[in-house]
Amino acid sequence: MNQVIFDYTRQDASGASCTAHAWAKVPEPLTGDQKEQWKERAKALLKQHDAVLVAHYYVDGDLQDLALETGGCVADSLEMARFGRDHPSKTLVVAGVRFMGESAKILSPDKRVLMPDLDATCSLDLGCPPEDFAAFCDAHPDRKVVVYANTSAAVKARADWMVTSSCALAIVQHLKDQGEKILWAPDRHLGRYIQEQTGADMLMWNGACIVHDEFKGVELELLRQEHPGAKVLVHPESPRSVVALADVVGSTSQLLNAVVQSEAQTFIVATDNGILHRMRQLAPHKTLIEAPTAGNSATCKSCAHCPWMAMNALQGVVGCLEHGSGEITVPEPVRSEALGCIQRMLDFVARNPASIARPAQGFVPNVGAA
């Protein structure tokens, strides 16, 4: 049943939201003194505008630190939105990519949601255009539509369920147990992993994360041979050959928890290297090795970093607060329709807390559950 349709062809350098454009917009690195100056300006503006900063694990470490130093959070996409929804601040600054800002706005319609750069997007989002996705859904009305969080508000508005990588297995298993057939979008690797684990009847869109899709199983095996005691941590957006080598397969939060709680001292990490900043903070005495992206067509040995995440910078946080730029809007009825599939997931997780893998020793501070 592993049928994959609607092939996604990667954008070339001419597109307004292509990777070349994204890398070109990454701000120049700041000196130590410059970083402190920008951070102080950002802190003052956050306080002045009654704003809180929520940052994804994949953005620059300076932004992660700023979020924690000012009472915000560093987490994965859904936890960012939930934190923002429950925080009393009237303005949310979302350091991440556009669908994360949209999720925050969907859950917090009465709050102002700003982003350092609205051009920061996601290959999974780009590779699942709402019009094509609507046609896909219309062609298969007998299937429950399940979409990954890494999609636009318009795509979520057509879905029955939204899932994150940590609760997707439990929700798909639940639907299978009810006799449902599933239409899945957009990540083919995550979809394949869930299908293999649950045996569900899944019709899949063909999308991929440009970061995780580059990990190479052959190179990972060679690296593991060089470090025989290392535990391999893999995000399920990775190819099958990479997942097959994993000691732990899980969401960003689950991989972070694995580093903190495991007795192992060395880890090979197959996800965006932005997460290494928080891993090093929470487990400073452990050795972290980036999984290899070398192989055919690769341009470097290990370059696992999202160019759109890299567009987020301290300068952007200051800019959006000073000028009110980068504001996220989600019009009705798209917002309320998208809210339905998110709320369905939240209700399921609330009723079934075991559906999200939780650390054996309780939550690690500032690590989200989703």
Protein backbone atom coordinates (compact mmCIF):
# COMPACT_ATOMS: atom_id res chain seq x y z
CA MET A 1 0.00 0.00 0.00
CA ASN A 2 3.05 2.28 -0.10
CA GLN A 3 1.74 4.34 -2.98
CA VAL A 4 3.39 7.73 -3.45
CA ILE A 5 1.92 10.31 -5.79
CA PHE A 6 2.17 14.01 -6.61
CA ASP A 7 5.92 14.11 -7.10
CA TYR A 8 7.58 17.20 -5.68
CA THR A 9 10.35 18.65 -7.83
CA ARG A 10 12.70 20.84 -5.86
CA GLN A 11 12.69 24.50 -6.70
CA ASP A 12 15.67 25.91 -8.54
CA ALA A 13 17.59 29.06 -7.76
CA SER A 14 15.10 31.29 -9.57
CA GLY A 15 12.28 30.92 -7.08
CA ALA A 16 11.54 33.58 -4.47
CA SER A 17 11.51 30.92 -1.77
CA CYS A 18 14.28 28.65 -3.00
CA THR A 19 17.28 27.58 -0.95
CA ALA A 20 19.67 29.86 -2.86
CA HIS A 21 17.45 32.81 -2.00
CA ALA A 22 17.31 31.67 1.62
CA TRP A 23 21.07 31.32 2.01
CA ALA A 24 21.52 34.71 0.38
CA LYS A 25 19.30 36.25 3.08
CA VAL A 26 21.15 34.72 6.02
CA PRO A 27 22.57 37.69 7.97
CA GLU A 28 26.30 38.08 8.34
CA PRO A 29 27.71 36.67 11.61
CA LEU A 30 27.99 39.12 14.48
CA THR A 31 31.01 39.71 16.65
CA GLY A 32 30.74 39.00 20.37
CA ASP A 33 30.19 42.66 21.21
CA GLN A 34 27.63 43.05 18.44
CA LYS A 35 25.68 40.04 19.70
CA GLU A 36 25.43 41.53 23.18
CA GLN A 37 24.29 44.89 21.78
CA TRP A 38 21.57 43.30 19.65
CA LYS A 39 20.46 41.05 22.52
CA GLU A 40 20.10 44.02 24.85
CA ARG A 41 18.03 45.89 22.26
CA ALA A 42 15.87 42.80 21.74
CA LYS A 43 15.33 42.34 25.47
CA ALA A 44 14.24 45.94 25.88
CA LEU A 45 11.84 45.73 22.92
CA LEU A 46 10.31 42.45 24.12
CA LYS A 47 9.53 44.10 27.44
CA GLN A 48 8.32 47.33 25.83
CA HIS A 49 5.87 45.52 23.54
CA ASP A 50 4.66 42.96 26.09
CA ALA A 51 6.09 40.29 23.81
CA VAL A 52 7.53 36.83 24.34
CA LEU A 53 10.01 35.03 22.09
CA VAL A 54 9.39 31.41 21.16
CA ALA A 55 12.22 29.75 19.27
CA HIS A 56 12.63 26.43 17.52
CA TYR A 57 15.54 24.11 18.32
CA TYR A 58 16.89 24.61 14.80
CA VAL A 59 17.41 28.39 14.88
CA ASP A 60 20.63 30.14 15.83
CA GLY A 61 21.83 29.46 19.37
CA ASP A 62 21.81 33.16 20.24
CA LEU A 63 18.07 33.27 19.59
CA GLN A 64 17.52 30.16 21.69
CA ASP A 65 19.45 31.76 24.53
CA LEU A 66 17.54 35.02 24.19
CA ALA A 67 14.22 33.18 24.39
CA LEU A 68 15.19 31.39 27.60
CA GLU A 69 16.75 34.50 29.15
CA THR A 70 13.54 36.50 28.62
CA GLY A 71 10.98 33.96 29.81
CA GLY A 72 10.17 32.48 26.42
CA CYS A 73 10.68 28.93 25.29
CA VAL A 74 12.81 26.77 23.04
CA ALA A 75 10.83 23.83 21.69
CA ASP A 76 9.43 22.12 18.64
CA SER A 77 6.72 23.66 16.51
CA LEU A 78 3.58 22.61 18.36
CA GLU A 79 4.99 23.29 21.80
CA MET A 80 5.97 26.76 20.57
CA ALA A 81 2.35 27.40 19.57
CA ARG A 82 0.95 25.97 22.80
CA PHE A 83 3.38 27.99 24.90
CA GLY A 84 2.39 31.13 23.02
CA ARG A 85 -1.30 30.37 23.42
CA ASP A 86 -0.97 29.95 27.19
CA HIS A 87 1.44 32.85 27.79
CA PRO A 88 -0.11 36.16 28.93
CA SER A 89 1.93 38.28 26.51
CA LYS A 90 -0.10 40.01 23.82
CA THR A 91 2.61 39.67 21.16
CA LEU A 92 4.40 36.49 20.12
CA VAL A 93 7.70 36.61 18.26
CA VAL A 94 8.18 33.27 16.52
CA ALA A 95 11.75 32.38 15.54
CA GLY A 96 11.35 29.53 13.10
CA VAL A 97 9.65 29.05 9.74
CA ARG A 98 6.36 30.34 8.44
CA PHE A 99 4.11 27.38 9.24
CA MET A 100 5.18 27.74 12.89
CA GLY A 101 4.03 31.35 12.92
CA GLU A 102 0.76 30.28 11.32
CA SER A 103 0.24 27.58 13.95
CA ALA A 104 0.79 30.16 16.67
CA LYS A 105 -1.77 32.49 15.07
CA ILE A 106 -4.29 29.67 14.61
CA LEU A 107 -4.13 28.89 18.33
CA SER A 108 -3.86 32.56 19.41
CA PRO A 109 -6.06 34.59 17.02
CA ASP A 110 -6.28 37.57 19.38
CA LYS A 111 -2.52 37.93 19.71
CA ARG A 112 -0.14 39.66 17.37
CA VAL A 113 2.31 37.14 15.88
CA LEU A 114 5.55 38.45 14.41
CA MET A 115 8.43 36.67 12.69
CA PRO A 116 12.02 37.86 12.10
CA ASP A 117 11.65 37.08 8.39
CA LEU A 118 8.40 36.09 6.66
CA ASP A 119 10.35 34.55 3.78
CA ALA A 120 11.57 31.77 6.08
CA THR A 121 9.59 28.79 4.86
CA CYS A 122 9.94 24.99 4.60
CA SER A 123 10.43 22.53 1.74
CA LEU A 124 7.58 20.37 3.03
CA ASP A 125 5.26 23.37 3.02
CA LEU A 126 6.45 24.52 -0.41
CA GLY A 127 6.10 21.01 -1.78
CA CYS A 128 2.43 20.72 -0.83
CA PRO A 129 0.53 23.54 -2.59
CA PRO A 130 -3.01 23.96 -1.19
CA GLU A 131 -4.72 23.75 -4.59
CA ASP A 132 -2.99 20.50 -5.57
CA PHE A 133 -3.56 19.09 -2.12
CA ALA A 134 -7.26 19.91 -2.31
CA ALA A 135 -7.48 18.00 -5.59
CA PHE A 136 -5.67 15.07 -3.96
CA CYS A 137 -8.23 15.06 -1.13
CA ASP A 138 -11.18 15.39 -3.50
CA ALA A 139 -9.97 12.38 -5.49
CA HIS A 140 -9.97 10.19 -2.36
CA PRO A 141 -13.02 11.14 -0.28
CA ASP A 142 -13.08 7.75 1.46
CA ARG A 143 -9.84 8.46 3.37
CA LYS A 144 -9.17 10.35 6.59
CA VAL A 145 -6.82 13.22 5.82
CA VAL A 146 -3.82 13.33 8.16
CA VAL A 147 -1.23 16.08 7.70
CA TYR A 148 2.09 16.72 9.34
CA ALA A 149 2.57 19.96 11.26
CA ASN A 150 4.99 21.14 8.55
CA THR A 151 2.21 22.38 6.27
CA SER A 152 0.43 25.64 5.57
CA ALA A 153 -2.74 26.75 7.31
CA ALA A 154 -4.62 26.22 4.04
CA VAL A 155 -3.51 22.58 3.89
CA LYS A 156 -4.42 22.05 7.53
CA ALA A 157 -7.85 23.49 6.76
CA ARG A 158 -8.50 20.49 4.47
CA ALA A 159 -7.33 17.94 7.04
CA ASP A 160 -9.17 15.81 9.57
CA TRP A 161 -6.10 15.45 11.76
CA MET A 162 -2.79 17.20 12.24
CA VAL A 163 0.07 15.24 13.81
CA THR A 164 3.57 15.87 15.03
CA SER A 165 6.39 13.37 14.71
CA SER A 166 5.96 12.33 18.35
CA CYS A 167 2.22 11.55 18.30
CA ALA A 168 1.78 10.49 14.67
CA LEU A 169 2.26 6.77 15.38
CA ALA A 170 -0.38 6.70 18.08
CA ILE A 171 -2.93 8.68 16.07
CA VAL A 172 -2.47 6.65 12.90
CA GLN A 173 -2.71 3.45 14.95
CA HIS A 174 -5.93 4.79 16.48
CA LEU A 175 -7.39 5.50 13.04
CA LYS A 176 -6.32 2.08 11.75
CA ASP A 177 -8.00 0.40 14.73
CA GLN A 178 -11.19 2.22 13.76
CA GLY A 179 -10.96 0.76 10.26
CA GLU A 180 -10.00 4.04 8.60
CA LYS A 181 -7.89 4.39 5.48
CA ILE A 182 -5.54 7.35 5.50
CA LEU A 183 -4.46 10.06 3.09
CA TRP A 184 -1.08 11.30 4.33
CA ALA A 185 0.89 14.45 3.54
CA PRO A 186 3.47 15.69 2.97
CA ASP A 187 6.66 13.91 4.16
CA ARG A 188 7.11 10.55 2.42
CA HIS A 189 9.83 9.34 4.78
CA LEU A 190 7.81 9.98 7.93
CA GLY A 191 4.75 8.49 6.23
CA ARG A 192 6.65 5.37 5.25
CA TYR A 193 8.02 4.97 8.79
CA ILE A 194 4.54 5.25 10.29
CA GLN A 195 3.09 2.85 7.75
CA GLU A 196 5.76 0.26 8.46
CA GLN A 197 5.22 0.57 12.20
CA THR A 198 1.40 0.46 12.13
CA GLY A 199 0.52 -1.46 8.97
CA ALA A 200 -2.07 1.21 8.17
CA ASP A 201 -3.50 1.67 4.67
CA MET A 202 -1.85 4.99 3.74
CA LEU A 203 -1.94 6.86 0.45
CA MET A 204 0.99 9.28 0.50
CA TRP A 205 1.99 12.59 -0.93
CA ASN A 206 5.59 12.74 -2.15
CA GLY A 207 7.35 15.45 -0.20
CA ALA A 208 10.58 15.61 1.77
CA CYS A 209 12.55 17.83 4.11
CA ILE A 210 15.62 19.07 2.26
CA VAL A 211 17.72 18.62 5.40
CA HIS A 212 16.73 15.11 6.51
CA ASP A 213 16.50 13.81 2.95
CA GLU A 214 20.26 14.36 2.57
CA PHE A 215 21.38 11.94 5.28
CA LYS A 216 23.15 8.89 3.82
CA GLY A 217 22.82 5.39 5.24
CA VAL A 218 26.11 4.14 3.81
CA GLU A 219 28.06 7.07 5.24
CA LEU A 220 26.27 6.75 8.58
CA GLU A 221 27.26 3.10 8.83
CA LEU A 222 30.91 4.00 8.17
CA LEU A 223 30.77 6.70 10.83
CA ARG A 224 29.22 4.33 13.33
CA GLN A 225 32.07 1.88 12.74
CA GLU A 226 34.48 4.66 13.70
CA HIS A 227 32.52 5.23 16.93
CA PRO A 228 31.28 1.78 17.99
CA GLY A 229 29.95 2.94 21.34
CA ALA A 230 27.91 5.83 19.95
CA LYS A 231 24.12 5.83 20.00
CA VAL A 232 22.54 6.86 16.70
CA LEU A 233 19.65 9.33 17.00
CA VAL A 234 17.46 9.78 13.92
CA HIS A 235 14.47 11.96 13.10
CA PRO A 236 11.84 9.94 11.17
CA GLU A 237 11.86 12.44 8.30
CA SER A 238 15.08 10.68 7.25
CA PRO A 239 15.39 8.00 4.52
CA ARG A 240 14.74 4.34 5.35
CA SER A 241 18.44 3.41 5.17
CA VAL A 242 19.20 5.98 7.88
CA VAL A 243 16.26 5.07 10.13
CA ALA A 244 17.32 1.41 9.93
CA LEU A 245 20.59 2.28 11.70
CA ALA A 246 19.00 4.21 14.56
CA ASP A 247 19.10 3.40 18.24
CA VAL A 248 16.43 6.05 18.82
CA VAL A 249 13.93 7.34 16.25
CA GLY A 250 11.96 10.33 17.41
CA SER A 251 10.96 13.98 17.30
CA THR A 252 13.34 16.78 18.19
CA SER A 253 12.19 16.73 21.81
CA GLN A 254 12.53 12.96 22.03
CA LEU A 255 16.05 13.03 20.58
CA LEU A 256 17.02 15.75 23.03
CA ASN A 257 15.62 13.74 25.92
CA ALA A 258 17.58 10.71 24.73
CA VAL A 259 20.86 12.61 25.00
CA VAL A 260 20.02 13.98 28.44
CA GLN A 261 18.77 10.74 29.97
CA SER A 262 20.86 8.04 28.33
CA GLU A 263 23.93 6.67 30.08
CA ALA A 264 25.74 6.69 26.74
CA GLN A 265 28.44 9.33 26.33
CA THR A 266 28.63 9.64 22.54
CA PHE A 267 25.79 10.27 20.08
CA ILE A 268 25.55 10.53 16.31
CA VAL A 269 22.71 12.94 15.60
CA ALA A 270 20.72 12.76 12.35
CA THR A 271 18.60 15.89 12.39
CA ASP A 272 19.17 19.61 11.80
CA ASN A 273 22.39 20.58 13.54
CA GLY A 274 20.70 23.57 15.18
CA ILE A 275 19.56 21.18 17.91
CA LEU A 276 23.15 20.57 18.99
CA HIS A 277 23.20 23.93 20.77
CA ARG A 278 20.50 22.90 23.25
CA MET A 279 21.86 19.36 23.53
CA ARG A 280 25.26 20.73 24.54
CA GLN A 281 23.68 22.99 27.12
CA LEU A 282 21.66 20.20 28.74
CA ALA A 283 24.34 17.51 28.41
CA PRO A 284 27.66 19.42 28.41
CA HIS A 285 29.85 16.40 29.12
CA LYS A 286 28.58 14.28 26.24
CA THR A 287 30.05 14.01 22.76
CA LEU A 288 27.78 14.89 19.83
CA ILE A 289 28.66 14.00 16.24
CA GLU A 290 26.71 15.23 13.21
CA ALA A 291 25.38 12.49 10.96
CA PRO A 292 26.90 12.58 7.46
CA THR A 293 25.20 13.97 4.38
CA ALA A 294 28.01 12.91 2.04
CA GLY A 295 27.28 10.84 -1.05
CA ASN A 296 26.11 11.33 -4.61
CA SER A 297 25.31 14.98 -5.30
CA ALA A 298 26.28 16.05 -1.78
CA THR A 299 28.22 19.29 -1.46
CA CYS A 300 29.70 18.70 1.99
CA LYS A 301 30.43 15.94 4.49
CA SER A 302 27.89 17.23 6.97
CA CYS A 303 25.79 20.30 6.23
CA ALA A 304 22.51 19.45 7.91
CA HIS A 305 21.08 22.88 8.51
CA CYS A 306 17.88 24.40 7.12
CA PRO A 307 18.62 27.60 5.16
CA TRP A 308 15.25 29.06 6.09
CA MET A 309 15.88 28.46 9.80
CA ALA A 310 19.24 30.18 9.32
CA MET A 311 17.45 33.33 8.12
CA ASN A 312 16.33 33.97 11.71
CA ALA A 313 18.68 36.32 13.56
CA LEU A 314 18.84 38.78 16.45
CA GLN A 315 18.63 41.62 13.93
CA GLY A 316 15.30 40.24 12.68
CA VAL A 317 13.84 40.05 16.18
CA VAL A 318 14.75 43.69 16.76
CA GLY A 319 13.45 44.71 13.34
CA CYS A 320 10.04 43.07 13.64
CA LEU A 321 9.45 44.60 17.08
CA GLU A 322 10.67 48.08 16.11
CA HIS A 323 8.74 48.27 12.83
CA GLY A 324 5.88 45.79 13.31
CA SER A 325 7.14 43.91 10.27
CA GLY A 326 6.80 40.19 9.67
CA GLU A 327 3.27 39.95 11.02
CA ILE A 328 1.45 36.65 10.44
CA THR A 329 -2.20 36.68 9.43
CA VAL A 330 -4.45 33.68 8.86
CA PRO A 331 -7.81 34.74 7.38
CA GLU A 332 -11.13 33.18 8.21
CA PRO A 333 -12.48 30.64 7.52
CA VAL A 334 -9.04 29.08 6.95
CA ARG A 335 -7.99 29.72 10.55
CA SER A 336 -11.02 28.14 12.20
CA GLU A 337 -11.00 25.22 9.76
CA ALA A 338 -7.30 24.61 10.41
CA LEU A 339 -7.91 24.86 14.14
CA GLY A 340 -10.19 21.84 13.94
CA CYS A 341 -7.49 19.35 12.97
CA ILE A 342 -5.04 20.79 15.50
CA GLN A 343 -7.59 20.70 18.30
CA ARG A 344 -8.48 17.13 17.43
CA MET A 345 -4.86 16.15 17.95
CA LEU A 346 -4.59 18.11 21.21
CA ASP A 347 -7.75 16.45 22.54
CA PHE A 348 -6.46 13.00 21.58
CA VAL A 349 -3.14 13.58 23.34
CA ALA A 350 -4.95 14.90 26.42
CA ARG A 351 -7.11 11.76 26.55
CA ASN A 352 -4.17 9.48 25.75
CA PRO A 353 -1.09 10.94 27.46
CA ALA A 354 0.92 7.80 26.66
CA SER A 355 0.56 8.65 22.97
CA ILE A 356 3.54 10.95 23.34
CA ALA A 357 6.76 9.32 24.46
CA ARG A 358 7.69 10.93 27.74
CA PRO A 359 11.01 10.88 29.54
CA ALA A 360 11.26 8.22 32.24
CA GLN A 361 12.53 10.76 34.78
CA GLY A 362 10.06 13.56 34.06
CA PHE A 363 10.32 16.52 31.74
CA VAL A 364 13.62 18.20 31.09
CA PRO A 365 13.26 21.97 31.65
CA ASN A 366 12.34 23.84 28.48
CA VAL A 367 11.89 20.65 26.45
CA GLY A 368 8.47 20.40 24.83
CA ALA A 369 6.43 17.23 24.67
CA ALA A 370 5.20 17.44 21.10
